[in-house]
Amino acid sequence: MVSPAPIISSFCLTVGPSLENLVKQFWEVEDLPSSTTVNPDDLECEKIFQTTYRRDSSGRYTVVLPFKIDSSFLGDSYTKLFKGICP
């Protein structure tokens, strides 16, 4: 007599995050921060911009550059450059 073939069963279960958790994580990533930290240097640059920007006669905007150090440390590079390109 031939014995019956053994019955082989397999089961696969995959568990993933729920749709609710996926949507929650999406909005946590996409939300803007509730408060922003203000850098003092940014405030100083904004102040310099607001008080010094102008429009010249050709329609271009000009503004003073916000140096963190005293600009006298830069030396006389502007006149050297100007002499080099305009003999």
Protein backbone atom coordinates (compact mmCIF):
# COMPACT_ATOMS: atom_id res chain seq x y z
CA MET A 1 0.00 0.00 0.00
CA VAL A 2 1.22 3.47 -0.88
CA SER A 3 1.08 6.05 1.83
CA PRO A 4 -0.65 9.31 0.98
CA ALA A 5 1.56 12.23 -0.01
CA PRO A 6 2.31 14.53 2.89
CA ILE A 7 0.37 17.78 2.89
CA ILE A 8 2.69 20.76 2.86
CA SER A 9 1.24 24.08 3.89
CA SER A 10 2.97 27.43 3.89
CA PHE A 11 1.84 30.74 5.24
CA CYS A 12 3.32 34.18 4.60
CA LEU A 13 2.33 37.23 6.60
CA THR A 14 3.60 40.70 5.85
CA VAL A 15 2.77 43.47 8.28
CA GLY A 16 3.32 47.05 7.25
CA PRO A 17 2.52 50.37 8.83
CA SER A 18 -1.11 51.34 8.81
CA LEU A 19 -2.38 53.99 6.45
CA GLU A 20 -3.13 56.19 9.44
CA ASN A 21 0.50 56.03 10.60
CA LEU A 22 1.81 56.73 7.09
CA VAL A 23 -0.35 59.84 6.75
CA LYS A 24 0.64 61.00 10.25
CA GLN A 25 4.35 60.60 9.43
CA PHE A 26 3.88 62.45 6.13
CA TRP A 27 2.37 65.48 7.84
CA GLU A 28 5.02 65.47 10.57
CA VAL A 29 7.69 65.73 7.88
CA GLU A 30 5.81 68.29 5.79
CA ASP A 31 4.77 70.63 8.62
CA LEU A 32 6.70 73.85 9.00
CA PRO A 33 8.31 74.41 12.37
CA SER A 34 5.99 76.25 14.73
CA SER A 35 8.67 78.72 15.79
CA THR A 36 11.77 79.96 14.07
CA THR A 37 14.96 80.96 15.77
CA VAL A 38 16.26 84.32 14.71
CA ASN A 39 19.97 84.73 14.21
CA PRO A 40 21.24 88.14 15.43
CA ASP A 41 23.41 88.42 12.30
CA ASP A 42 20.30 87.99 10.13
CA LEU A 43 18.55 90.77 12.04
CA GLU A 44 21.54 93.07 11.59
CA CYS A 45 21.71 92.32 7.84
CA GLU A 46 17.99 93.02 7.46
CA LYS A 47 18.41 96.31 9.32
CA ILE A 48 21.32 97.32 7.06
CA PHE A 49 19.33 96.41 3.96
CA GLN A 50 16.21 98.31 5.05
CA THR A 51 18.18 101.47 5.86
CA THR A 52 20.64 101.56 2.94
CA TYR A 53 19.04 100.20 -0.22
CA ARG A 54 18.55 102.76 -2.98
CA ARG A 55 17.81 102.86 -6.68
CA ASP A 56 20.38 104.68 -8.80
CA SER A 57 19.75 106.79 -11.91
CA SER A 58 20.01 103.76 -14.22
CA GLY A 59 17.32 101.89 -12.28
CA ARG A 60 19.65 99.45 -10.54
CA TYR A 61 19.34 98.80 -6.83
CA THR A 62 22.33 99.43 -4.59
CA VAL A 63 22.87 98.40 -0.99
CA VAL A 64 25.70 98.61 1.52
CA LEU A 65 27.40 95.25 2.08
CA PRO A 66 27.06 93.98 5.65
CA PHE A 67 30.65 93.42 6.76
CA LYS A 68 31.12 91.53 9.99
CA ILE A 69 34.59 92.98 10.40
CA ASP A 70 35.78 96.51 9.86
CA SER A 71 36.10 97.01 6.09
CA SER A 72 39.36 98.91 6.58
CA PHE A 73 41.02 95.50 7.09
CA LEU A 74 40.42 94.83 3.40
CA GLY A 75 43.05 97.37 2.43
CA ASP A 76 43.16 99.27 -0.84
CA SER A 77 42.14 96.40 -3.11
CA TYR A 78 39.44 98.42 -4.93
CA THR A 79 41.86 101.02 -6.31
CA LYS A 80 44.36 98.30 -7.25
CA LEU A 81 41.64 96.43 -9.11
CA PHE A 82 40.39 99.59 -10.79
CA LYS A 83 43.91 100.50 -11.94
CA GLY A 84 44.38 96.97 -13.27
CA ILE A 85 41.28 97.00 -15.49
CA CYS A 86 41.19 100.69 -16.42
CA PRO A 87 44.72 101.87 -17.33
